[in-house]
N, C-alpha and C. Protein backbone atom coordinates (compact mmCIF):
# COMPACT_ATOMS: atom_id res chain seq x y z
N MET A 1 -16.27 -37.32 17.25
CA MET A 1 -15.22 -36.31 17.32
C MET A 1 -15.56 -35.07 16.51
N VAL A 2 -16.45 -35.22 15.52
CA VAL A 2 -16.75 -34.09 14.66
C VAL A 2 -17.27 -32.90 15.45
N GLU A 3 -18.07 -33.19 16.51
CA GLU A 3 -18.65 -32.09 17.26
C GLU A 3 -17.60 -31.28 18.03
N THR A 4 -16.41 -31.80 18.21
CA THR A 4 -15.36 -31.05 18.91
C THR A 4 -14.54 -30.17 17.97
N LEU A 5 -14.76 -30.33 16.67
CA LEU A 5 -14.04 -29.49 15.72
C LEU A 5 -14.57 -28.06 15.78
N ASN A 6 -13.66 -27.10 15.74
CA ASN A 6 -14.07 -25.71 15.70
C ASN A 6 -14.19 -25.28 14.24
N LEU A 7 -15.14 -25.90 13.52
CA LEU A 7 -15.25 -25.68 12.09
C LEU A 7 -15.60 -24.23 11.72
N PRO A 8 -16.53 -23.56 12.44
CA PRO A 8 -16.79 -22.15 12.11
C PRO A 8 -15.54 -21.29 12.21
N PHE A 9 -14.74 -21.49 13.24
CA PHE A 9 -13.48 -20.73 13.37
C PHE A 9 -12.57 -21.00 12.20
N ILE A 10 -12.45 -22.26 11.82
CA ILE A 10 -11.58 -22.63 10.71
C ILE A 10 -12.03 -21.96 9.41
N LEU A 11 -13.33 -21.98 9.14
CA LEU A 11 -13.84 -21.41 7.90
C LEU A 11 -13.72 -19.89 7.89
N ILE A 12 -13.95 -19.25 9.03
CA ILE A 12 -13.83 -17.79 9.09
C ILE A 12 -12.37 -17.38 8.88
N ALA A 13 -11.45 -18.08 9.54
CA ALA A 13 -10.03 -17.78 9.39
C ALA A 13 -9.60 -17.98 7.94
N ALA A 14 -10.04 -19.08 7.33
CA ALA A 14 -9.67 -19.35 5.94
C ALA A 14 -10.25 -18.31 5.00
N LEU A 15 -11.48 -17.87 5.26
CA LEU A 15 -12.12 -16.86 4.41
C LEU A 15 -11.37 -15.54 4.48
N MET A 16 -10.92 -15.16 5.67
CA MET A 16 -10.18 -13.91 5.82
C MET A 16 -8.88 -13.94 5.04
N VAL A 17 -8.21 -15.07 5.06
CA VAL A 17 -6.94 -15.19 4.35
C VAL A 17 -7.16 -15.25 2.84
N VAL A 18 -8.11 -16.05 2.41
CA VAL A 18 -8.37 -16.22 0.98
C VAL A 18 -8.86 -14.91 0.35
N GLY A 19 -9.71 -14.19 1.06
CA GLY A 19 -10.28 -12.97 0.50
C GLY A 19 -9.40 -11.75 0.62
N SER A 20 -8.33 -11.81 1.39
CA SER A 20 -7.46 -10.65 1.56
C SER A 20 -6.57 -10.46 0.34
N PRO A 21 -6.17 -9.21 0.04
CA PRO A 21 -5.29 -8.98 -1.12
C PRO A 21 -3.96 -9.73 -0.98
N GLY A 22 -3.54 -10.36 -2.04
CA GLY A 22 -2.30 -11.11 -2.02
C GLY A 22 -1.95 -11.56 -3.43
N PRO A 23 -0.87 -12.33 -3.59
CA PRO A 23 -0.46 -12.75 -4.93
C PRO A 23 -1.54 -13.48 -5.70
N ALA A 24 -2.30 -14.35 -5.03
CA ALA A 24 -3.33 -15.13 -5.73
C ALA A 24 -4.44 -14.23 -6.26
N THR A 25 -4.98 -13.37 -5.39
CA THR A 25 -6.06 -12.48 -5.82
C THR A 25 -5.57 -11.50 -6.88
N LEU A 26 -4.32 -11.05 -6.76
CA LEU A 26 -3.74 -10.14 -7.73
C LEU A 26 -3.62 -10.82 -9.10
N ALA A 27 -3.14 -12.06 -9.11
CA ALA A 27 -3.00 -12.80 -10.37
C ALA A 27 -4.36 -13.09 -11.00
N ILE A 28 -5.35 -13.42 -10.18
CA ILE A 28 -6.69 -13.67 -10.71
C ILE A 28 -7.26 -12.41 -11.35
N ALA A 29 -7.09 -11.28 -10.68
CA ALA A 29 -7.59 -10.02 -11.22
C ALA A 29 -6.88 -9.68 -12.53
N ASN A 30 -5.57 -9.81 -12.54
CA ASN A 30 -4.78 -9.48 -13.73
C ASN A 30 -5.19 -10.35 -14.91
N THR A 31 -5.24 -11.66 -14.70
CA THR A 31 -5.56 -12.58 -15.78
C THR A 31 -6.99 -12.42 -16.27
N SER A 32 -7.92 -12.22 -15.36
CA SER A 32 -9.32 -12.06 -15.75
C SER A 32 -9.53 -10.80 -16.57
N LEU A 33 -8.82 -9.74 -16.22
CA LEU A 33 -8.94 -8.49 -16.96
C LEU A 33 -8.28 -8.57 -18.33
N THR A 34 -7.10 -9.18 -18.38
CA THR A 34 -6.31 -9.16 -19.61
C THR A 34 -6.64 -10.30 -20.58
N SER A 35 -7.08 -11.45 -20.05
CA SER A 35 -7.31 -12.61 -20.91
C SER A 35 -8.74 -13.11 -20.89
N GLY A 36 -9.59 -12.50 -20.09
CA GLY A 36 -10.99 -12.87 -20.11
C GLY A 36 -11.40 -13.87 -19.05
N ARG A 37 -12.70 -14.15 -19.01
CA ARG A 37 -13.27 -14.97 -17.94
C ARG A 37 -12.77 -16.41 -17.97
N ARG A 38 -12.65 -16.99 -19.15
CA ARG A 38 -12.24 -18.39 -19.24
C ARG A 38 -10.84 -18.59 -18.64
N ALA A 39 -9.92 -17.72 -19.00
CA ALA A 39 -8.56 -17.82 -18.47
C ALA A 39 -8.54 -17.51 -16.97
N GLY A 40 -9.34 -16.52 -16.57
CA GLY A 40 -9.40 -16.18 -15.15
C GLY A 40 -9.92 -17.32 -14.30
N LEU A 41 -10.95 -17.99 -14.79
CA LEU A 41 -11.49 -19.13 -14.05
C LEU A 41 -10.50 -20.30 -14.03
N ALA A 42 -9.77 -20.47 -15.13
CA ALA A 42 -8.76 -21.54 -15.17
C ALA A 42 -7.65 -21.26 -14.17
N LEU A 43 -7.21 -20.01 -14.10
CA LEU A 43 -6.18 -19.66 -13.13
C LEU A 43 -6.69 -19.85 -11.71
N ALA A 44 -7.94 -19.46 -11.47
CA ALA A 44 -8.55 -19.66 -10.15
C ALA A 44 -8.59 -21.14 -9.79
N SER A 45 -8.81 -22.00 -10.79
CA SER A 45 -8.81 -23.44 -10.54
C SER A 45 -7.42 -23.92 -10.16
N GLY A 46 -6.39 -23.35 -10.80
CA GLY A 46 -5.02 -23.71 -10.44
C GLY A 46 -4.68 -23.29 -9.03
N VAL A 47 -5.09 -22.09 -8.66
CA VAL A 47 -4.86 -21.61 -7.29
C VAL A 47 -5.60 -22.50 -6.29
N SER A 48 -6.83 -22.88 -6.63
CA SER A 48 -7.61 -23.74 -5.74
C SER A 48 -6.96 -25.10 -5.57
N THR A 49 -6.39 -25.63 -6.65
CA THR A 49 -5.70 -26.91 -6.56
C THR A 49 -4.48 -26.81 -5.66
N GLY A 50 -3.71 -25.71 -5.81
CA GLY A 50 -2.55 -25.50 -4.94
C GLY A 50 -2.95 -25.36 -3.49
N SER A 51 -4.06 -24.65 -3.26
CA SER A 51 -4.56 -24.49 -1.90
C SER A 51 -4.97 -25.84 -1.31
N LEU A 52 -5.61 -26.68 -2.12
CA LEU A 52 -6.02 -28.00 -1.66
C LEU A 52 -4.80 -28.86 -1.34
N PHE A 53 -3.76 -28.74 -2.14
CA PHE A 53 -2.54 -29.51 -1.89
C PHE A 53 -1.95 -29.17 -0.53
N TRP A 54 -1.84 -27.86 -0.23
CA TRP A 54 -1.25 -27.47 1.05
C TRP A 54 -2.18 -27.81 2.21
N SER A 55 -3.48 -27.78 1.97
CA SER A 55 -4.44 -28.15 3.01
C SER A 55 -4.28 -29.62 3.38
N VAL A 56 -4.22 -30.48 2.36
CA VAL A 56 -4.04 -31.91 2.61
C VAL A 56 -2.68 -32.17 3.25
N SER A 57 -1.66 -31.47 2.77
CA SER A 57 -0.31 -31.65 3.31
C SER A 57 -0.25 -31.28 4.79
N ALA A 58 -0.87 -30.15 5.12
CA ALA A 58 -0.88 -29.73 6.52
C ALA A 58 -1.67 -30.69 7.38
N ALA A 59 -2.79 -31.18 6.86
CA ALA A 59 -3.62 -32.09 7.63
C ALA A 59 -2.88 -33.38 7.98
N PHE A 60 -2.01 -33.82 7.09
CA PHE A 60 -1.31 -35.08 7.32
C PHE A 60 0.18 -34.91 7.64
N GLY A 61 0.55 -33.68 8.03
CA GLY A 61 1.87 -33.49 8.61
C GLY A 61 2.99 -32.99 7.73
N LEU A 62 2.76 -32.86 6.40
CA LEU A 62 3.85 -32.41 5.53
C LEU A 62 4.26 -30.97 5.82
N GLY A 63 3.25 -30.13 6.13
CA GLY A 63 3.57 -28.74 6.45
C GLY A 63 4.49 -28.63 7.65
N ALA A 64 4.19 -29.40 8.69
CA ALA A 64 5.03 -29.39 9.88
C ALA A 64 6.43 -29.91 9.57
N LEU A 65 6.50 -30.92 8.70
CA LEU A 65 7.80 -31.47 8.31
C LEU A 65 8.64 -30.42 7.59
N MET A 66 8.01 -29.67 6.70
CA MET A 66 8.74 -28.64 5.97
C MET A 66 9.22 -27.53 6.89
N LEU A 67 8.37 -27.12 7.83
CA LEU A 67 8.76 -26.06 8.76
C LEU A 67 9.86 -26.54 9.70
N ALA A 68 9.87 -27.83 9.99
CA ALA A 68 10.92 -28.38 10.86
C ALA A 68 12.24 -28.49 10.13
N ASN A 69 12.19 -28.59 8.81
CA ASN A 69 13.40 -28.64 7.99
C ASN A 69 13.49 -27.34 7.21
N ALA A 70 14.19 -26.39 7.77
CA ALA A 70 14.19 -25.01 7.27
C ALA A 70 14.57 -24.93 5.80
N TRP A 71 15.47 -25.78 5.34
CA TRP A 71 15.94 -25.66 3.95
C TRP A 71 14.80 -25.93 2.97
N MET A 72 13.88 -26.86 3.32
CA MET A 72 12.76 -27.15 2.44
C MET A 72 11.84 -25.94 2.33
N PHE A 73 11.59 -25.32 3.46
CA PHE A 73 10.74 -24.13 3.47
C PHE A 73 11.40 -23.00 2.69
N GLU A 74 12.71 -22.83 2.85
CA GLU A 74 13.42 -21.75 2.16
C GLU A 74 13.41 -21.95 0.65
N VAL A 75 13.48 -23.21 0.20
CA VAL A 75 13.41 -23.47 -1.24
C VAL A 75 12.09 -22.96 -1.81
N VAL A 76 10.98 -23.31 -1.13
CA VAL A 76 9.67 -22.84 -1.57
C VAL A 76 9.60 -21.32 -1.50
N ARG A 77 10.15 -20.76 -0.45
CA ARG A 77 10.12 -19.31 -0.25
C ARG A 77 10.80 -18.57 -1.40
N TYR A 78 12.00 -18.98 -1.76
CA TYR A 78 12.73 -18.28 -2.81
C TYR A 78 12.16 -18.56 -4.19
N PHE A 79 11.63 -19.76 -4.39
CA PHE A 79 10.94 -20.04 -5.64
C PHE A 79 9.74 -19.11 -5.80
N GLY A 80 8.97 -18.96 -4.73
CA GLY A 80 7.79 -18.10 -4.77
C GLY A 80 8.14 -16.65 -5.04
N ALA A 81 9.16 -16.15 -4.34
CA ALA A 81 9.59 -14.76 -4.53
C ALA A 81 10.08 -14.55 -5.96
N GLY A 82 10.82 -15.54 -6.49
CA GLY A 82 11.33 -15.42 -7.85
C GLY A 82 10.21 -15.42 -8.88
N TYR A 83 9.20 -16.26 -8.66
CA TYR A 83 8.10 -16.33 -9.62
C TYR A 83 7.29 -15.02 -9.61
N LEU A 84 7.08 -14.46 -8.44
CA LEU A 84 6.36 -13.18 -8.37
C LEU A 84 7.15 -12.07 -9.04
N MET A 85 8.47 -12.08 -8.90
CA MET A 85 9.29 -11.08 -9.56
C MET A 85 9.22 -11.25 -11.07
N TYR A 86 9.13 -12.50 -11.53
CA TYR A 86 8.97 -12.76 -12.96
C TYR A 86 7.64 -12.18 -13.46
N LEU A 87 6.57 -12.36 -12.69
CA LEU A 87 5.28 -11.78 -13.07
C LEU A 87 5.34 -10.26 -13.09
N ALA A 88 6.09 -9.68 -12.16
CA ALA A 88 6.27 -8.23 -12.14
C ALA A 88 6.98 -7.76 -13.41
N PHE A 89 8.01 -8.51 -13.81
CA PHE A 89 8.75 -8.18 -15.03
C PHE A 89 7.84 -8.25 -16.25
N ARG A 90 7.00 -9.29 -16.32
CA ARG A 90 6.09 -9.43 -17.45
C ARG A 90 5.12 -8.26 -17.53
N SER A 91 4.59 -7.84 -16.39
CA SER A 91 3.66 -6.70 -16.39
C SER A 91 4.36 -5.41 -16.78
N ALA A 92 5.58 -5.21 -16.27
CA ALA A 92 6.33 -4.00 -16.61
C ALA A 92 6.66 -3.97 -18.10
N ARG A 93 7.07 -5.10 -18.64
CA ARG A 93 7.39 -5.17 -20.06
C ARG A 93 6.16 -4.90 -20.91
N SER A 94 5.01 -5.41 -20.48
CA SER A 94 3.76 -5.17 -21.20
C SER A 94 3.42 -3.69 -21.20
N ALA A 95 3.64 -3.02 -20.06
CA ALA A 95 3.34 -1.58 -19.98
C ALA A 95 4.25 -0.78 -20.91
N LEU A 96 5.51 -1.15 -21.00
CA LEU A 96 6.46 -0.41 -21.83
C LEU A 96 6.20 -0.61 -23.31
N ARG A 97 5.62 -1.74 -23.68
CA ARG A 97 5.39 -2.04 -25.09
C ARG A 97 4.08 -1.47 -25.61
N GLN A 98 3.20 -1.08 -24.74
CA GLN A 98 1.87 -0.63 -25.17
C GLN A 98 1.91 0.80 -25.68
N ASP A 99 1.12 1.04 -26.72
CA ASP A 99 0.89 2.40 -27.17
C ASP A 99 -0.20 3.01 -26.30
N ILE A 100 -0.09 4.28 -25.98
CA ILE A 100 -1.05 4.93 -25.08
C ILE A 100 -2.47 4.81 -25.60
N LEU A 101 -2.65 4.83 -26.93
CA LEU A 101 -3.99 4.80 -27.49
C LEU A 101 -4.46 3.39 -27.80
N GLN A 102 -3.61 2.40 -27.50
CA GLN A 102 -4.00 1.02 -27.80
C GLN A 102 -5.17 0.59 -26.93
N THR A 103 -6.19 0.02 -27.55
CA THR A 103 -7.38 -0.41 -26.80
C THR A 103 -7.77 -1.84 -27.12
N LYS A 104 -6.85 -2.61 -27.66
CA LYS A 104 -7.13 -4.01 -27.95
C LYS A 104 -6.29 -4.91 -27.06
N MET A 105 -6.88 -5.99 -26.62
CA MET A 105 -6.15 -6.96 -25.82
C MET A 105 -5.18 -7.75 -26.70
N GLY A 106 -4.11 -8.21 -26.09
CA GLY A 106 -3.19 -9.11 -26.77
C GLY A 106 -3.78 -10.50 -26.79
N PRO A 107 -3.02 -11.48 -27.29
CA PRO A 107 -3.51 -12.87 -27.31
C PRO A 107 -3.89 -13.32 -25.91
N PRO A 108 -5.09 -13.87 -25.73
CA PRO A 108 -5.50 -14.31 -24.39
C PRO A 108 -4.67 -15.50 -23.92
N LEU A 109 -4.50 -15.59 -22.62
CA LEU A 109 -3.77 -16.70 -22.03
C LEU A 109 -4.60 -17.97 -22.18
N HIS A 110 -3.98 -19.03 -22.68
CA HIS A 110 -4.69 -20.29 -22.86
C HIS A 110 -5.08 -20.84 -21.49
N PRO A 111 -6.28 -21.43 -21.37
CA PRO A 111 -6.72 -21.96 -20.07
C PRO A 111 -5.72 -22.92 -19.42
N ARG A 112 -5.06 -23.77 -20.22
CA ARG A 112 -4.08 -24.69 -19.63
C ARG A 112 -2.90 -23.93 -19.04
N SER A 113 -2.46 -22.91 -19.75
CA SER A 113 -1.36 -22.08 -19.24
C SER A 113 -1.80 -21.30 -18.00
N ALA A 114 -3.04 -20.83 -18.02
CA ALA A 114 -3.56 -20.08 -16.88
C ALA A 114 -3.66 -20.99 -15.65
N TYR A 115 -4.13 -22.21 -15.86
CA TYR A 115 -4.22 -23.17 -14.75
C TYR A 115 -2.84 -23.44 -14.16
N ALA A 116 -1.86 -23.69 -15.03
CA ALA A 116 -0.50 -23.95 -14.57
C ALA A 116 0.07 -22.75 -13.83
N LYS A 117 -0.22 -21.56 -14.30
CA LYS A 117 0.25 -20.34 -13.64
C LYS A 117 -0.31 -20.24 -12.24
N GLY A 118 -1.62 -20.48 -12.10
CA GLY A 118 -2.24 -20.41 -10.78
C GLY A 118 -1.73 -21.49 -9.84
N LEU A 119 -1.53 -22.69 -10.36
CA LEU A 119 -1.03 -23.79 -9.55
C LEU A 119 0.39 -23.50 -9.05
N LEU A 120 1.26 -23.06 -9.97
CA LEU A 120 2.64 -22.75 -9.58
C LEU A 120 2.68 -21.61 -8.57
N LEU A 121 1.82 -20.63 -8.79
CA LEU A 121 1.78 -19.47 -7.89
C LEU A 121 1.49 -19.90 -6.46
N HIS A 122 0.55 -20.82 -6.28
CA HIS A 122 0.15 -21.20 -4.93
C HIS A 122 1.04 -22.29 -4.34
N LEU A 123 1.61 -23.13 -5.18
CA LEU A 123 2.52 -24.14 -4.67
C LEU A 123 3.82 -23.52 -4.17
N THR A 124 4.16 -22.33 -4.67
CA THR A 124 5.39 -21.66 -4.24
C THR A 124 5.10 -20.50 -3.29
N ASN A 125 3.93 -20.54 -2.66
CA ASN A 125 3.55 -19.49 -1.72
C ASN A 125 3.84 -19.96 -0.29
N PRO A 126 4.92 -19.45 0.35
CA PRO A 126 5.24 -19.92 1.70
C PRO A 126 4.18 -19.57 2.73
N LYS A 127 3.41 -18.51 2.47
CA LYS A 127 2.37 -18.14 3.42
C LYS A 127 1.27 -19.19 3.47
N ALA A 128 1.07 -19.90 2.36
CA ALA A 128 0.06 -20.96 2.35
C ALA A 128 0.48 -22.08 3.29
N ILE A 129 1.78 -22.41 3.30
CA ILE A 129 2.28 -23.45 4.20
C ILE A 129 2.06 -23.03 5.65
N LEU A 130 2.42 -21.79 5.95
CA LEU A 130 2.28 -21.28 7.31
C LEU A 130 0.82 -21.22 7.73
N PHE A 131 -0.02 -20.73 6.83
CA PHE A 131 -1.44 -20.59 7.18
C PHE A 131 -2.09 -21.93 7.49
N PHE A 132 -1.93 -22.89 6.56
CA PHE A 132 -2.58 -24.18 6.77
C PHE A 132 -1.97 -24.93 7.95
N GLY A 133 -0.65 -24.78 8.14
CA GLY A 133 -0.02 -25.42 9.29
C GLY A 133 -0.60 -24.90 10.60
N SER A 134 -0.76 -23.58 10.68
CA SER A 134 -1.33 -22.97 11.89
C SER A 134 -2.80 -23.32 12.04
N LEU A 135 -3.52 -23.32 10.92
CA LEU A 135 -4.96 -23.58 10.96
C LEU A 135 -5.25 -24.96 11.52
N TYR A 136 -4.54 -25.96 11.04
CA TYR A 136 -4.80 -27.32 11.51
C TYR A 136 -4.28 -27.53 12.93
N ALA A 137 -3.21 -26.82 13.28
CA ALA A 137 -2.69 -26.96 14.64
C ALA A 137 -3.66 -26.40 15.67
N ILE A 138 -4.34 -25.31 15.32
CA ILE A 138 -5.25 -24.66 16.27
C ILE A 138 -6.66 -25.23 16.19
N GLY A 139 -7.14 -25.47 14.97
CA GLY A 139 -8.54 -25.84 14.80
C GLY A 139 -8.84 -27.32 14.91
N ILE A 140 -7.81 -28.17 14.79
CA ILE A 140 -8.03 -29.61 14.85
C ILE A 140 -7.63 -30.14 16.22
N PRO A 141 -8.55 -30.74 16.94
CA PRO A 141 -8.21 -31.26 18.27
C PRO A 141 -7.34 -32.51 18.17
N GLN A 142 -6.60 -32.77 19.24
CA GLN A 142 -5.80 -33.99 19.28
C GLN A 142 -6.74 -35.20 19.24
N GLY A 143 -6.31 -36.22 18.52
CA GLY A 143 -7.13 -37.41 18.41
C GLY A 143 -8.17 -37.33 17.32
N ALA A 144 -8.10 -36.29 16.47
CA ALA A 144 -9.06 -36.17 15.38
C ALA A 144 -8.94 -37.36 14.44
N THR A 145 -10.05 -37.82 13.96
CA THR A 145 -10.06 -38.97 13.06
C THR A 145 -9.83 -38.53 11.61
N ALA A 146 -9.63 -39.51 10.75
CA ALA A 146 -9.46 -39.22 9.32
C ALA A 146 -10.72 -38.56 8.76
N GLN A 147 -11.89 -38.95 9.28
CA GLN A 147 -13.13 -38.34 8.83
C GLN A 147 -13.20 -36.86 9.21
N ASP A 148 -12.68 -36.53 10.41
CA ASP A 148 -12.64 -35.14 10.83
C ASP A 148 -11.76 -34.31 9.88
N LEU A 149 -10.59 -34.85 9.58
CA LEU A 149 -9.67 -34.15 8.68
C LEU A 149 -10.28 -33.98 7.29
N LEU A 150 -10.94 -35.02 6.81
CA LEU A 150 -11.57 -34.95 5.49
C LEU A 150 -12.65 -33.89 5.46
N LEU A 151 -13.43 -33.79 6.55
CA LEU A 151 -14.47 -32.77 6.63
C LEU A 151 -13.88 -31.37 6.51
N VAL A 152 -12.79 -31.11 7.24
CA VAL A 152 -12.16 -29.79 7.20
C VAL A 152 -11.57 -29.52 5.82
N ILE A 153 -10.89 -30.51 5.25
CA ILE A 153 -10.28 -30.34 3.93
C ILE A 153 -11.34 -29.98 2.89
N LEU A 154 -12.46 -30.71 2.91
CA LEU A 154 -13.52 -30.46 1.94
C LEU A 154 -14.19 -29.11 2.16
N ALA A 155 -14.44 -28.76 3.43
CA ALA A 155 -15.11 -27.49 3.73
C ALA A 155 -14.23 -26.30 3.34
N VAL A 156 -12.97 -26.33 3.75
CA VAL A 156 -12.06 -25.23 3.42
C VAL A 156 -11.82 -25.18 1.91
N GLY A 157 -11.67 -26.35 1.28
CA GLY A 157 -11.44 -26.39 -0.16
C GLY A 157 -12.61 -25.83 -0.94
N ALA A 158 -13.82 -26.20 -0.55
CA ALA A 158 -15.02 -25.71 -1.24
C ALA A 158 -15.15 -24.20 -1.08
N GLN A 159 -14.90 -23.70 0.12
CA GLN A 159 -15.01 -22.26 0.36
C GLN A 159 -13.96 -21.49 -0.43
N SER A 160 -12.72 -21.97 -0.44
CA SER A 160 -11.65 -21.30 -1.17
C SER A 160 -11.93 -21.30 -2.67
N THR A 161 -12.39 -22.44 -3.18
CA THR A 161 -12.69 -22.54 -4.60
C THR A 161 -13.78 -21.55 -4.99
N LEU A 162 -14.81 -21.45 -4.17
CA LEU A 162 -15.90 -20.51 -4.44
C LEU A 162 -15.40 -19.08 -4.47
N VAL A 163 -14.58 -18.69 -3.50
CA VAL A 163 -14.08 -17.32 -3.43
C VAL A 163 -13.18 -17.00 -4.62
N PHE A 164 -12.24 -17.90 -4.94
CA PHE A 164 -11.31 -17.64 -6.04
C PHE A 164 -12.06 -17.52 -7.37
N HIS A 165 -13.03 -18.40 -7.60
CA HIS A 165 -13.77 -18.36 -8.86
C HIS A 165 -14.71 -17.16 -8.91
N LEU A 166 -15.25 -16.76 -7.78
CA LEU A 166 -16.08 -15.56 -7.75
C LEU A 166 -15.26 -14.32 -8.11
N LEU A 167 -14.03 -14.25 -7.61
CA LEU A 167 -13.15 -13.14 -7.96
C LEU A 167 -12.87 -13.11 -9.46
N ALA A 168 -12.62 -14.28 -10.04
CA ALA A 168 -12.36 -14.35 -11.48
C ALA A 168 -13.60 -13.89 -12.26
N TRP A 169 -14.76 -14.30 -11.82
CA TRP A 169 -16.00 -13.91 -12.50
C TRP A 169 -16.21 -12.39 -12.39
N LEU A 170 -15.96 -11.83 -11.21
CA LEU A 170 -16.16 -10.40 -11.03
C LEU A 170 -15.19 -9.57 -11.86
N PHE A 171 -13.91 -9.95 -11.87
CA PHE A 171 -12.92 -9.16 -12.59
C PHE A 171 -12.98 -9.36 -14.10
N SER A 172 -13.72 -10.36 -14.57
CA SER A 172 -13.90 -10.54 -16.01
C SER A 172 -15.21 -9.92 -16.47
N ASN A 173 -15.86 -9.17 -15.59
CA ASN A 173 -17.08 -8.47 -15.95
C ASN A 173 -16.81 -7.52 -17.13
N PRO A 174 -17.66 -7.52 -18.14
CA PRO A 174 -17.41 -6.68 -19.32
C PRO A 174 -17.16 -5.20 -19.00
N ALA A 175 -17.88 -4.66 -18.02
CA ALA A 175 -17.68 -3.24 -17.68
C ALA A 175 -16.28 -3.01 -17.13
N LEU A 176 -15.83 -3.92 -16.25
CA LEU A 176 -14.47 -3.79 -15.72
C LEU A 176 -13.43 -3.97 -16.82
N THR A 177 -13.70 -4.90 -17.72
CA THR A 177 -12.76 -5.14 -18.82
C THR A 177 -12.65 -3.92 -19.72
N ARG A 178 -13.78 -3.28 -20.03
CA ARG A 178 -13.74 -2.07 -20.85
C ARG A 178 -12.97 -0.96 -20.15
N GLY A 179 -13.18 -0.84 -18.84
CA GLY A 179 -12.43 0.16 -18.09
C GLY A 179 -10.94 -0.12 -18.11
N TYR A 180 -10.60 -1.40 -18.01
CA TYR A 180 -9.17 -1.78 -18.07
C TYR A 180 -8.57 -1.42 -19.42
N LEU A 181 -9.31 -1.70 -20.51
CA LEU A 181 -8.79 -1.42 -21.84
C LEU A 181 -8.53 0.07 -22.04
N LYS A 182 -9.36 0.90 -21.45
CA LYS A 182 -9.18 2.34 -21.58
C LYS A 182 -8.00 2.85 -20.75
N LEU A 183 -7.73 2.16 -19.64
CA LEU A 183 -6.71 2.63 -18.70
C LEU A 183 -5.54 1.66 -18.56
N ARG A 184 -5.39 0.75 -19.51
CA ARG A 184 -4.42 -0.32 -19.35
C ARG A 184 -2.99 0.19 -19.23
N ARG A 185 -2.70 1.35 -19.81
CA ARG A 185 -1.35 1.92 -19.69
C ARG A 185 -1.01 2.18 -18.23
N GLY A 186 -2.03 2.52 -17.43
CA GLY A 186 -1.79 2.75 -16.02
C GLY A 186 -1.92 1.50 -15.17
N PHE A 187 -2.74 0.55 -15.64
CA PHE A 187 -2.96 -0.67 -14.85
C PHE A 187 -1.72 -1.54 -14.79
N GLU A 188 -1.04 -1.72 -15.92
CA GLU A 188 0.09 -2.65 -15.96
C GLU A 188 1.21 -2.27 -15.00
N PRO A 189 1.59 -0.97 -14.91
CA PRO A 189 2.60 -0.62 -13.89
C PRO A 189 2.13 -0.91 -12.47
N VAL A 190 0.84 -0.74 -12.23
CA VAL A 190 0.30 -1.04 -10.89
C VAL A 190 0.47 -2.52 -10.58
N PHE A 191 0.13 -3.37 -11.54
CA PHE A 191 0.31 -4.81 -11.35
C PHE A 191 1.78 -5.15 -11.17
N ALA A 192 2.66 -4.51 -11.95
CA ALA A 192 4.10 -4.78 -11.85
C ALA A 192 4.61 -4.44 -10.46
N VAL A 193 4.23 -3.27 -9.96
CA VAL A 193 4.67 -2.85 -8.63
C VAL A 193 4.10 -3.76 -7.56
N ALA A 194 2.84 -4.16 -7.71
CA ALA A 194 2.20 -5.01 -6.70
C ALA A 194 2.86 -6.38 -6.65
N PHE A 195 3.15 -6.98 -7.81
CA PHE A 195 3.83 -8.28 -7.82
C PHE A 195 5.23 -8.16 -7.22
N ALA A 196 5.95 -7.08 -7.58
CA ALA A 196 7.30 -6.89 -7.04
C ALA A 196 7.26 -6.70 -5.53
N ALA A 197 6.27 -5.95 -5.05
CA ALA A 197 6.15 -5.72 -3.60
C ALA A 197 5.86 -7.02 -2.87
N ALA A 198 4.99 -7.86 -3.46
CA ALA A 198 4.69 -9.16 -2.84
C ALA A 198 5.93 -10.04 -2.79
N SER A 199 6.73 -9.99 -3.86
CA SER A 199 7.97 -10.75 -3.88
C SER A 199 8.93 -10.29 -2.79
N LEU A 200 9.08 -8.99 -2.64
CA LEU A 200 10.00 -8.45 -1.63
C LEU A 200 9.52 -8.76 -0.22
N ARG A 201 8.20 -8.73 -0.02
CA ARG A 201 7.66 -9.05 1.31
C ARG A 201 8.02 -10.48 1.70
N ILE A 202 7.94 -11.38 0.73
CA ILE A 202 8.30 -12.78 1.02
C ILE A 202 9.79 -12.90 1.33
N LEU A 203 10.62 -12.15 0.62
CA LEU A 203 12.05 -12.25 0.80
C LEU A 203 12.51 -11.70 2.15
N ILE A 204 11.90 -10.59 2.60
CA ILE A 204 12.39 -9.93 3.80
C ILE A 204 11.61 -10.32 5.06
N ALA A 205 10.46 -11.00 4.87
CA ALA A 205 9.63 -11.35 6.03
C ALA A 205 10.35 -12.36 6.92
N ARG A 206 10.13 -12.24 8.21
CA ARG A 206 10.65 -13.21 9.18
C ARG A 206 9.51 -14.17 9.53
N PHE A 207 9.47 -15.30 8.85
CA PHE A 207 8.40 -16.27 9.08
C PHE A 207 8.70 -17.05 10.36
N GLN A 208 7.70 -17.15 11.19
CA GLN A 208 7.84 -17.90 12.46
C GLN A 208 7.10 -19.22 12.35
């Protein structure tokens, strides 16, 4: 049955979604710049774990169950929107508290806290439910075996983990970090607006 899987299509579709700008990539960039590479990689690990959870859930039917029971999906939706708005508030508060000439980072985010932040961010992302539900519905043929599902879960999980951790590594680059420190007064409002916009998109979007 493995030869009937459209694995290249699945991986390309997953790569486009994972690599596109969104709450996860925004949080990875923010954390990597403000708290350094260790925290950024920990947050990326949390996001990867959340992505793996929804991938396994979709593969074995939980995603379809949630979409069939609208209230379950709505709970995740509003939790996600609320958490993104909280992140927007944190960034806005950080911008208001900073002195224009300040060039030192605050206390770095502990890796455990960063991991939990990334995990919560992705577990409350309704688009992840929709994406993985659609991906498995289209890319997995009827009659697929458990081995087929495991192959897709591992392939998509490995690719997502690589992309998320690469983003954390890139945004924790010393040159980018120095640039952030010089311009952090302007960066924090940008992050605040971006998180708030992502929250509003989730609230007003008509998910099908």
